[in-house]
Amino acid sequence: MHTSQKMFSVLALAVATWLAAWPVAATAGVFSVSPVRMFMAPKDRAIAVTINNEGDEELVMQADVFLWKQKPGGEDELVLTEDMILSPPIVKLAPRSRQVVRLAMLRPRPTSEQLTYRLVVREVPEARPVEQKVQLQLALAFSLPVFITPPGAKPQLGCTVERVAMDTVRAQCENTGNAYAQPRELTLLSASGEKLALRDSGGYILPSIKRSFDLKRAEGRIPGGNARLAVALDDGSTQSFDVSIPE
């Protein structure tokens, strides 16, 4: 998946039915979806999505599309929408088979800001035959980001730091642009280039959203004074910010 073509699971839903005092065997289907990040232009009406059944049992999959926003602190907020639809919305897959479906835009919305959605593809476990013994049915799902990006839309990231403990600083990163930003790694460096603290995970920052990320030093105190925060992004670029760490 360019970076976006790497397989990653962003959501797993467990649905269980069980009876007390009975032995329980867990079962779940095995499937994948490609691509795991989807990029469209406002003029596009549909893109292809491939669903693979990698297991030895028939699977029934169901898809829903959600408008994806973030709350002020960066928490995701999903609202079911009819702006887009996966066609067909329910897919039956034979063992070791795949099907190409279409993610279609039903209600184009002119905008100067990137539109963000989540496509949630999940297994319908009730459609699988149940053996006579009691089983725990696990329903796996993928939550896949969909970006509809108008020409010229891009992120604009700004970051500051504050001390939250002797060995920990908190990076506050705000996206004032009109497309998402995704920090993948944050590194705090001293003025001389010494690595002071590292965080090897980040997250999406949608337009007009500010998120915080804590960086902890493995050993010892993070010294105060001038420093540099290097933020590695999902597109392979790195942005650096001059920061000041309180004593």
Protein backbone atom coordinates (compact mmCIF):
# COMPACT_ATOMS: atom_id res chain seq x y z
CA MET A 1 0.00 0.00 0.00
CA HIS A 2 2.65 2.60 -1.00
CA THR A 3 2.92 3.29 2.66
CA SER A 4 -0.79 2.99 2.23
CA GLN A 5 -0.48 -0.42 0.64
CA LYS A 6 0.93 -2.15 3.73
CA MET A 7 -1.59 -4.35 5.38
CA PHE A 8 -2.63 -3.26 8.80
CA SER A 9 -5.63 -4.01 10.91
CA VAL A 10 -7.12 -0.85 12.43
CA LEU A 11 -10.26 -2.35 14.03
CA ALA A 12 -11.33 -5.76 15.42
CA LEU A 13 -14.86 -6.37 16.66
CA ALA A 14 -15.64 -9.41 18.81
CA VAL A 15 -19.19 -10.72 18.91
CA ALA A 16 -19.72 -13.62 21.28
CA THR A 17 -22.53 -15.92 22.43
CA TRP A 18 -21.84 -18.50 25.07
CA LEU A 19 -23.49 -20.64 27.73
CA ALA A 20 -22.06 -20.92 31.23
CA ALA A 21 -20.61 -24.28 32.28
CA TRP A 22 -20.28 -25.45 28.64
CA PRO A 23 -16.95 -25.92 26.87
CA VAL A 24 -16.47 -23.17 24.27
CA ALA A 25 -14.47 -23.37 21.03
CA ALA A 26 -13.54 -20.10 19.30
CA THR A 27 -13.99 -19.73 15.55
CA ALA A 28 -13.31 -16.79 13.22
CA GLY A 29 -12.97 -16.20 9.53
CA VAL A 30 -9.74 -15.04 7.92
CA PHE A 31 -9.95 -12.25 5.37
CA SER A 32 -8.12 -9.18 4.09
CA VAL A 33 -9.07 -6.01 2.24
CA SER A 34 -6.97 -4.08 -0.25
CA PRO A 35 -6.12 -1.23 -0.41
CA VAL A 36 -6.22 -0.39 3.28
CA ARG A 37 -6.17 3.35 2.56
CA MET A 38 -8.23 4.76 -0.28
CA PHE A 39 -7.58 8.01 -2.09
CA MET A 40 -10.04 9.65 -4.47
CA ALA A 41 -10.44 12.99 -6.21
CA PRO A 42 -13.79 14.84 -6.12
CA LYS A 43 -14.33 13.99 -9.80
CA ASP A 44 -13.94 10.24 -9.15
CA ARG A 45 -17.17 8.30 -8.88
CA ALA A 46 -15.84 4.91 -7.76
CA ILE A 47 -12.70 2.92 -6.97
CA ALA A 48 -12.05 -0.81 -6.85
CA VAL A 49 -11.72 -2.68 -3.54
CA THR A 50 -10.60 -6.31 -3.28
CA ILE A 51 -11.84 -8.58 -0.48
CA ASN A 52 -9.94 -11.86 -0.01
CA ASN A 53 -11.20 -14.90 1.87
CA GLU A 54 -7.97 -16.49 3.06
CA GLY A 55 -9.64 -19.23 5.07
CA ASP A 56 -11.14 -22.64 4.37
CA GLU A 57 -14.76 -21.69 5.12
CA GLU A 58 -17.29 -19.62 3.23
CA LEU A 59 -17.56 -16.05 4.53
CA VAL A 60 -20.27 -13.42 4.33
CA MET A 61 -19.03 -9.83 4.57
CA GLN A 62 -20.98 -6.64 5.16
CA ALA A 63 -19.76 -3.08 4.60
CA ASP A 64 -20.86 0.31 5.96
CA VAL A 65 -19.47 3.77 5.29
CA PHE A 66 -19.09 6.38 8.03
CA LEU A 67 -18.34 10.08 7.86
CA TRP A 68 -15.11 10.41 9.82
CA LYS A 69 -14.47 13.45 11.99
CA GLN A 70 -12.35 14.02 15.08
CA LYS A 71 -13.22 15.69 18.36
CA PRO A 72 -11.01 18.59 19.58
CA GLY A 73 -8.62 16.20 21.34
CA GLY A 74 -8.27 13.93 18.31
CA GLU A 75 -10.73 11.18 19.30
CA ASP A 76 -12.46 9.68 16.28
CA GLU A 77 -16.13 10.38 15.69
CA LEU A 78 -17.95 8.18 13.15
CA VAL A 79 -21.43 8.86 11.78
CA LEU A 80 -23.15 6.45 9.40
CA THR A 81 -23.55 8.11 5.99
CA GLU A 82 -25.11 7.48 2.60
CA ASP A 83 -22.58 9.70 0.81
CA MET A 84 -20.77 6.55 -0.31
CA ILE A 85 -21.59 2.86 -0.61
CA LEU A 86 -19.72 -0.37 -1.27
CA SER A 87 -21.43 -2.16 -4.11
CA PRO A 88 -22.56 -4.78 -3.38
CA PRO A 89 -22.77 -3.99 0.38
CA ILE A 90 -22.99 -7.71 1.25
CA VAL A 91 -20.44 -10.12 -0.26
CA LYS A 92 -20.42 -13.93 -0.07
CA LEU A 93 -16.98 -15.45 -0.59
CA ALA A 94 -16.17 -19.10 -1.20
CA PRO A 95 -13.09 -20.52 0.58
CA ARG A 96 -9.77 -19.22 -0.79
CA SER A 97 -11.48 -16.81 -3.16
CA ARG A 98 -11.59 -13.07 -3.73
CA GLN A 99 -14.02 -10.54 -5.12
CA VAL A 100 -13.51 -7.04 -6.49
CA VAL A 101 -16.23 -4.61 -5.46
CA ARG A 102 -16.73 -0.87 -6.00
CA LEU A 103 -16.69 1.92 -3.48
CA ALA A 104 -18.97 4.48 -5.11
CA MET A 105 -19.67 8.13 -4.34
CA LEU A 106 -23.42 8.69 -4.30
CA ARG A 107 -23.55 12.28 -3.09
CA PRO A 108 -20.61 14.35 -4.33
CA ARG A 109 -19.97 17.35 -2.09
CA PRO A 110 -18.03 20.29 -3.55
CA THR A 111 -15.43 21.32 -1.01
CA SER A 112 -12.04 22.98 -0.70
CA GLU A 113 -11.19 20.73 2.26
CA GLN A 114 -10.37 17.03 2.11
CA LEU A 115 -13.37 14.82 2.93
CA THR A 116 -12.69 11.89 5.24
CA TYR A 117 -14.65 8.67 5.61
CA ARG A 118 -14.21 5.22 7.14
CA LEU A 119 -15.19 2.04 5.30
CA VAL A 120 -15.93 -0.68 7.85
CA VAL A 121 -15.93 -4.19 6.36
CA ARG A 122 -16.92 -6.90 8.81
CA GLU A 123 -17.68 -10.58 8.81
CA VAL A 124 -21.25 -11.70 9.49
CA PRO A 125 -20.59 -14.72 11.74
CA GLU A 126 -24.24 -15.75 11.88
CA ALA A 127 -23.94 -16.71 8.22
CA ARG A 128 -21.40 -19.44 8.99
CA PRO A 129 -22.70 -22.93 9.93
CA VAL A 130 -22.45 -23.67 13.64
CA GLU A 131 -21.32 -27.08 14.82
CA GLN A 132 -23.33 -28.96 17.40
CA LYS A 133 -21.03 -28.01 20.25
CA VAL A 134 -21.23 -24.50 21.67
CA GLN A 135 -18.87 -22.10 19.92
CA LEU A 136 -17.60 -18.59 20.46
CA GLN A 137 -18.17 -16.71 17.21
CA LEU A 138 -15.59 -13.99 16.54
CA ALA A 139 -16.51 -11.35 13.99
CA LEU A 140 -13.43 -9.69 12.55
CA ALA A 141 -13.58 -6.29 10.87
CA PHE A 142 -11.41 -3.70 9.16
CA SER A 143 -11.91 0.05 9.49
CA LEU A 144 -10.32 1.63 6.41
CA PRO A 145 -9.79 5.37 5.86
CA VAL A 146 -11.10 6.97 2.68
CA PHE A 147 -9.78 10.38 1.58
CA ILE A 148 -11.40 12.55 -1.10
CA THR A 149 -8.87 15.27 -1.78
CA PRO A 150 -9.53 18.39 -3.88
CA PRO A 151 -6.65 19.85 -5.92
CA GLY A 152 -4.17 21.78 -3.81
CA ALA A 153 -5.38 20.47 -0.44
CA LYS A 154 -2.51 19.71 1.93
CA PRO A 155 -1.73 19.54 5.65
CA GLN A 156 -0.07 22.33 7.61
CA LEU A 157 1.46 21.02 10.80
CA GLY A 158 2.71 23.02 13.76
CA CYS A 159 4.12 21.49 16.96
CA THR A 160 5.18 22.69 20.40
CA VAL A 161 6.26 20.81 23.53
CA GLU A 162 5.60 21.10 27.24
CA ARG A 163 7.10 19.22 30.15
CA VAL A 164 4.79 16.81 31.98
CA ALA A 165 7.42 14.97 34.07
CA MET A 166 11.16 15.01 34.64
CA ASP A 167 11.61 12.34 31.94
CA THR A 168 8.57 13.13 29.74
CA VAL A 169 7.47 15.91 27.40
CA ARG A 170 4.16 16.27 25.58
CA ALA A 171 4.19 17.29 21.94
CA GLN A 172 1.13 19.32 20.90
CA CYS A 173 0.65 19.12 17.12
CA GLU A 174 -2.04 21.10 15.30
CA ASN A 175 -3.08 20.69 11.67
CA THR A 176 -4.18 24.07 10.27
CA GLY A 177 -4.22 22.81 6.68
CA ASN A 178 -7.07 21.36 4.65
CA ALA A 179 -5.90 17.71 4.38
CA TYR A 180 -4.91 15.10 6.96
CA ALA A 181 -1.47 14.79 8.55
CA GLN A 182 -0.18 11.53 10.02
CA PRO A 183 2.88 11.60 12.26
CA ARG A 184 4.49 8.15 12.37
CA GLU A 185 7.44 8.89 14.67
CA LEU A 186 8.38 11.82 16.90
CA THR A 187 11.97 12.41 18.06
CA LEU A 188 13.14 15.03 20.55
CA LEU A 189 16.71 16.20 19.92
CA SER A 190 18.94 18.50 21.92
CA ALA A 191 20.43 21.63 20.35
CA SER A 192 23.60 19.60 19.67
CA GLY A 193 21.65 16.77 17.99
CA GLU A 194 21.60 14.27 20.88
CA LYS A 195 18.51 12.08 20.91
CA LEU A 196 16.61 12.83 24.11
CA ALA A 197 13.32 10.99 23.67
CA LEU A 198 11.48 9.01 21.03
CA ARG A 199 7.92 7.97 20.26
CA ASP A 200 7.57 5.42 17.47
CA SER A 201 3.83 5.79 16.98
CA GLY A 202 1.55 8.69 16.14
CA GLY A 203 -1.88 8.99 14.58
CA TYR A 204 -4.06 10.86 12.13
CA ILE A 205 -4.62 14.57 12.63
CA LEU A 206 -7.54 15.75 10.52
CA PRO A 207 -7.86 19.42 9.45
CA SER A 208 -8.42 21.93 12.29
CA ILE A 209 -7.52 19.30 14.93
CA LYS A 210 -4.82 19.36 17.62
CA ARG A 211 -3.47 16.14 19.14
CA SER A 212 -0.91 15.44 21.84
CA PHE A 213 1.78 12.75 21.95
CA ASP A 214 3.93 11.97 25.01
CA LEU A 215 7.65 11.31 24.54
CA LYS A 216 9.48 9.64 27.42
CA ARG A 217 13.22 9.38 27.86
CA ALA A 218 14.41 5.82 28.45
CA GLU A 219 16.85 6.81 31.18
CA GLY A 220 17.24 9.98 33.18
CA ARG A 221 15.87 13.50 33.05
CA ILE A 222 15.13 15.44 29.87
CA PRO A 223 17.19 18.63 30.20
CA GLY A 224 15.56 22.01 29.78
CA GLY A 225 16.47 24.56 27.13
CA ASN A 226 16.34 24.82 23.36
CA ALA A 227 15.66 21.61 21.45
CA ARG A 228 14.28 20.30 18.16
CA LEU A 229 11.26 18.09 17.56
CA ALA A 230 11.52 15.95 14.39
CA VAL A 231 8.19 14.57 13.16
CA ALA A 232 8.34 11.78 10.55
CA LEU A 233 5.17 11.69 8.43
CA ASP A 234 3.46 8.89 6.52
CA ASP A 235 4.55 10.31 3.15
CA GLY A 236 8.21 9.74 4.03
CA SER A 237 8.99 13.37 4.81
CA THR A 238 10.18 14.77 8.14
CA GLN A 239 9.29 18.17 9.56
CA SER A 240 11.39 19.78 12.30
CA PHE A 241 10.26 22.32 14.87
CA ASP A 242 12.38 24.46 17.17
CA VAL A 243 11.03 24.08 20.69
CA SER A 244 11.91 25.15 24.20
CA ILE A 245 11.73 22.73 27.11
CA PRO A 246 10.99 24.22 30.52
CA GLU A 247 13.43 23.35 33.33
